Amino acid sequence: MNILQRNILAVACLATLAASTGAQQAAAGRSLELPGSAAMADGEVRKVDKGAKKLTIKHGEIKSLDMPPMTMVFQVRDGALLDAVKVGDRIRFVAEKTATGYTVTVVQPAP
């Protein structure tokens, strides 16, 4: 086997391992954070307002938004996300800056 063939084999093995790891994390309910993707932030639910589709979260740093730790009110893109949380829950979430403010797009229980 020549050097080129060995390098191709090594790259194929690494790609297979990376895909397997991502599938295992997804099956375990964890998100795979890749460069360029929205990063999950940690927080604690302080208030749930289903009528206004808003969620108050005391959160750590949100690197993707260059935001320091604080407590703030977020809009929620999908009101169904609010059915999965209650006051006091530790969560991981993704927030985005939109034309109308900051919006939570993903919520999951913290490990």
C-alpha atoms as a PDB file:
ATOM      1  CA  MET A   1       0.000   0.000   0.000  1.00  0.00           C
ATOM      2  CA  ASN A   2       1.485   3.353  -0.984  1.00  0.00           C
ATOM      3  CA  ILE A   3       1.432   6.575   1.062  1.00  0.00           C
ATOM      4  CA  LEU A   4      -1.538   8.050  -0.835  1.00  0.00           C
ATOM      5  CA  GLN A   5      -3.634   4.949  -0.219  1.00  0.00           C
ATOM      6  CA  ARG A   6      -2.726   4.963   3.488  1.00  0.00           C
ATOM      7  CA  ASN A   7      -3.682   8.640   3.807  1.00  0.00           C
ATOM      8  CA  ILE A   8      -7.016   8.036   2.069  1.00  0.00           C
ATOM      9  CA  LEU A   9      -7.706   5.087   4.375  1.00  0.00           C
ATOM     10  CA  ALA A  10      -6.816   7.168   7.460  1.00  0.00           C
ATOM     11  CA  VAL A  11      -9.152  10.011   6.399  1.00  0.00           C
ATOM     12  CA  ALA A  12     -11.969   7.530   5.730  1.00  0.00           C
ATOM     13  CA  CYS A  13     -11.511   5.978   9.181  1.00  0.00           C
ATOM     14  CA  LEU A  14     -11.565   9.375  10.892  1.00  0.00           C
ATOM     15  CA  ALA A  15     -14.697  10.418   8.995  1.00  0.00           C
ATOM     16  CA  THR A  16     -16.438   7.196  10.018  1.00  0.00           C
ATOM     17  CA  LEU A  17     -15.453   7.731  13.662  1.00  0.00           C
ATOM     18  CA  ALA A  18     -16.695  11.342  13.630  1.00  0.00           C
ATOM     19  CA  ALA A  19     -20.050  10.329  12.108  1.00  0.00           C
ATOM     20  CA  SER A  20     -20.450   7.554  14.661  1.00  0.00           C
ATOM     21  CA  THR A  21     -19.705   9.907  17.577  1.00  0.00           C
ATOM     22  CA  GLY A  22     -22.248  12.450  16.317  1.00  0.00           C
ATOM     23  CA  ALA A  23     -24.927   9.767  15.953  1.00  0.00           C
ATOM     24  CA  GLN A  24     -24.225   8.491  19.482  1.00  0.00           C
ATOM     25  CA  GLN A  25     -24.503  12.006  20.941  1.00  0.00           C
ATOM     26  CA  ALA A  26     -27.751  12.655  19.081  1.00  0.00           C
ATOM     27  CA  ALA A  27     -29.183   9.338  20.324  1.00  0.00           C
ATOM     28  CA  ALA A  28     -28.240  10.316  23.891  1.00  0.00           C
ATOM     29  CA  GLY A  29     -30.133  13.621  23.513  1.00  0.00           C
ATOM     30  CA  ARG A  30     -26.982  15.755  23.348  1.00  0.00           C
ATOM     31  CA  SER A  31     -26.289  18.200  20.599  1.00  0.00           C
ATOM     32  CA  LEU A  32     -23.146  18.042  18.524  1.00  0.00           C
ATOM     33  CA  GLU A  33     -21.687  21.531  18.376  1.00  0.00           C
ATOM     34  CA  LEU A  34     -19.708  22.101  15.228  1.00  0.00           C
ATOM     35  CA  PRO A  35     -17.732  25.211  14.306  1.00  0.00           C
ATOM     36  CA  GLY A  36     -20.078  27.758  12.753  1.00  0.00           C
ATOM     37  CA  SER A  37     -23.219  26.260  14.282  1.00  0.00           C
ATOM     38  CA  ALA A  38     -25.224  27.988  16.987  1.00  0.00           C
ATOM     39  CA  ALA A  39     -23.785  27.064  20.371  1.00  0.00           C
ATOM     40  CA  MET A  40     -25.945  25.983  23.273  1.00  0.00           C
ATOM     41  CA  ALA A  41     -26.048  28.206  26.351  1.00  0.00           C
ATOM     42  CA  ASP A  42     -26.814  27.146  29.929  1.00  0.00           C
ATOM     43  CA  GLY A  43     -29.586  28.713  31.928  1.00  0.00           C
ATOM     44  CA  GLU A  44     -32.330  28.436  34.529  1.00  0.00           C
ATOM     45  CA  VAL A  45     -35.977  29.140  33.752  1.00  0.00           C
ATOM     46  CA  ARG A  46     -37.280  32.006  35.897  1.00  0.00           C
ATOM     47  CA  LYS A  47     -40.678  32.624  34.240  1.00  0.00           C
ATOM     48  CA  VAL A  48     -42.826  31.020  31.538  1.00  0.00           C
ATOM     49  CA  ASP A  49     -45.366  33.260  29.775  1.00  0.00           C
ATOM     50  CA  LYS A  50     -47.295  31.052  27.364  1.00  0.00           C
ATOM     51  CA  GLY A  51     -49.737  33.810  26.376  1.00  0.00           C
ATOM     52  CA  ALA A  52     -46.977  36.129  25.177  1.00  0.00           C
ATOM     53  CA  LYS A  53     -44.720  33.263  23.996  1.00  0.00           C
ATOM     54  CA  LYS A  54     -41.889  34.490  26.233  1.00  0.00           C
ATOM     55  CA  LEU A  55     -39.383  32.827  28.508  1.00  0.00           C
ATOM     56  CA  THR A  56     -37.351  34.526  31.234  1.00  0.00           C
ATOM     57  CA  ILE A  57     -33.967  32.842  31.644  1.00  0.00           C
ATOM     58  CA  LYS A  58     -31.094  33.461  34.036  1.00  0.00           C
ATOM     59  CA  HIS A  59     -28.260  32.451  31.744  1.00  0.00           C
ATOM     60  CA  GLY A  60     -24.520  32.163  31.516  1.00  0.00           C
ATOM     61  CA  GLU A  61     -22.502  33.708  28.714  1.00  0.00           C
ATOM     62  CA  ILE A  62     -24.021  33.325  25.247  1.00  0.00           C
ATOM     63  CA  LYS A  63     -20.918  33.313  23.088  1.00  0.00           C
ATOM     64  CA  SER A  64     -22.778  33.259  19.765  1.00  0.00           C
ATOM     65  CA  LEU A  65     -24.436  36.583  20.697  1.00  0.00           C
ATOM     66  CA  ASP A  66     -21.430  38.053  22.537  1.00  0.00           C
ATOM     67  CA  MET A  67     -23.699  38.385  25.580  1.00  0.00           C
ATOM     68  CA  PRO A  68     -22.516  38.263  29.213  1.00  0.00           C
ATOM     69  CA  PRO A  69     -24.384  36.330  31.940  1.00  0.00           C
ATOM     70  CA  MET A  70     -27.683  37.959  32.996  1.00  0.00           C
ATOM     71  CA  THR A  71     -31.391  37.377  33.459  1.00  0.00           C
ATOM     72  CA  MET A  72     -33.530  38.404  30.512  1.00  0.00           C
ATOM     73  CA  VAL A  73     -36.779  37.803  28.686  1.00  0.00           C
ATOM     74  CA  PHE A  74     -36.600  35.981  25.355  1.00  0.00           C
ATOM     75  CA  GLN A  75     -39.239  35.519  22.711  1.00  0.00           C
ATOM     76  CA  VAL A  76     -39.854  31.898  21.758  1.00  0.00           C
ATOM     77  CA  ARG A  77     -40.135  30.992  18.093  1.00  0.00           C
ATOM     78  CA  ASP A  78     -42.356  27.958  18.746  1.00  0.00           C
ATOM     79  CA  GLY A  79     -44.805  28.221  21.642  1.00  0.00           C
ATOM     80  CA  ALA A  80     -44.719  24.423  21.998  1.00  0.00           C
ATOM     81  CA  LEU A  81     -41.227  24.784  23.504  1.00  0.00           C
ATOM     82  CA  LEU A  82     -42.872  26.359  26.551  1.00  0.00           C
ATOM     83  CA  ASP A  83     -44.791  23.145  27.283  1.00  0.00           C
ATOM     84  CA  ALA A  84     -41.494  21.369  27.975  1.00  0.00           C
ATOM     85  CA  VAL A  85     -40.209  23.741  30.685  1.00  0.00           C
ATOM     86  CA  LYS A  86     -41.257  25.064  34.074  1.00  0.00           C
ATOM     87  CA  VAL A  87     -39.871  27.601  36.538  1.00  0.00           C
ATOM     88  CA  GLY A  88     -36.670  26.315  38.153  1.00  0.00           C
ATOM     89  CA  ASP A  89     -35.670  23.966  35.297  1.00  0.00           C
ATOM     90  CA  ARG A  90     -31.986  23.931  34.323  1.00  0.00           C
ATOM     91  CA  ILE A  91     -31.846  24.076  30.531  1.00  0.00           C
ATOM     92  CA  ARG A  92     -29.560  24.353  27.530  1.00  0.00           C
ATOM     93  CA  PHE A  93     -30.836  26.601  24.781  1.00  0.00           C
ATOM     94  CA  VAL A  94     -30.058  28.357  21.530  1.00  0.00           C
ATOM     95  CA  ALA A  95     -30.986  32.014  21.069  1.00  0.00           C
ATOM     96  CA  GLU A  96     -30.743  34.150  17.953  1.00  0.00           C
ATOM     97  CA  LYS A  97     -30.946  37.885  17.353  1.00  0.00           C
ATOM     98  CA  THR A  98     -33.960  38.635  15.169  1.00  0.00           C
ATOM     99  CA  ALA A  99     -35.546  41.821  13.878  1.00  0.00           C
ATOM    100  CA  THR A 100     -37.895  41.871  16.882  1.00  0.00           C
ATOM    101  CA  GLY A 101     -35.378  40.977  19.617  1.00  0.00           C
ATOM    102  CA  TYR A 102     -33.733  37.836  20.959  1.00  0.00           C
ATOM    103  CA  THR A 103     -35.539  34.579  20.216  1.00  0.00           C
ATOM    104  CA  VAL A 104     -35.058  31.121  21.700  1.00  0.00           C
ATOM    105  CA  THR A 105     -35.143  28.500  18.955  1.00  0.00           C
ATOM    106  CA  VAL A 106     -34.087  25.334  20.828  1.00  0.00           C
ATOM    107  CA  VAL A 107     -34.607  24.239  24.445  1.00  0.00           C
ATOM    108  CA  GLN A 108     -33.513  21.003  26.077  1.00  0.00           C
ATOM    109  CA  PRO A 109     -33.017  19.835  29.665  1.00  0.00           C
ATOM    110  CA  ALA A 110     -29.512  20.408  31.034  1.00  0.00           C
ATOM    111  CA  PRO A 111     -27.586  17.199  31.694  1.00  0.00           C
END
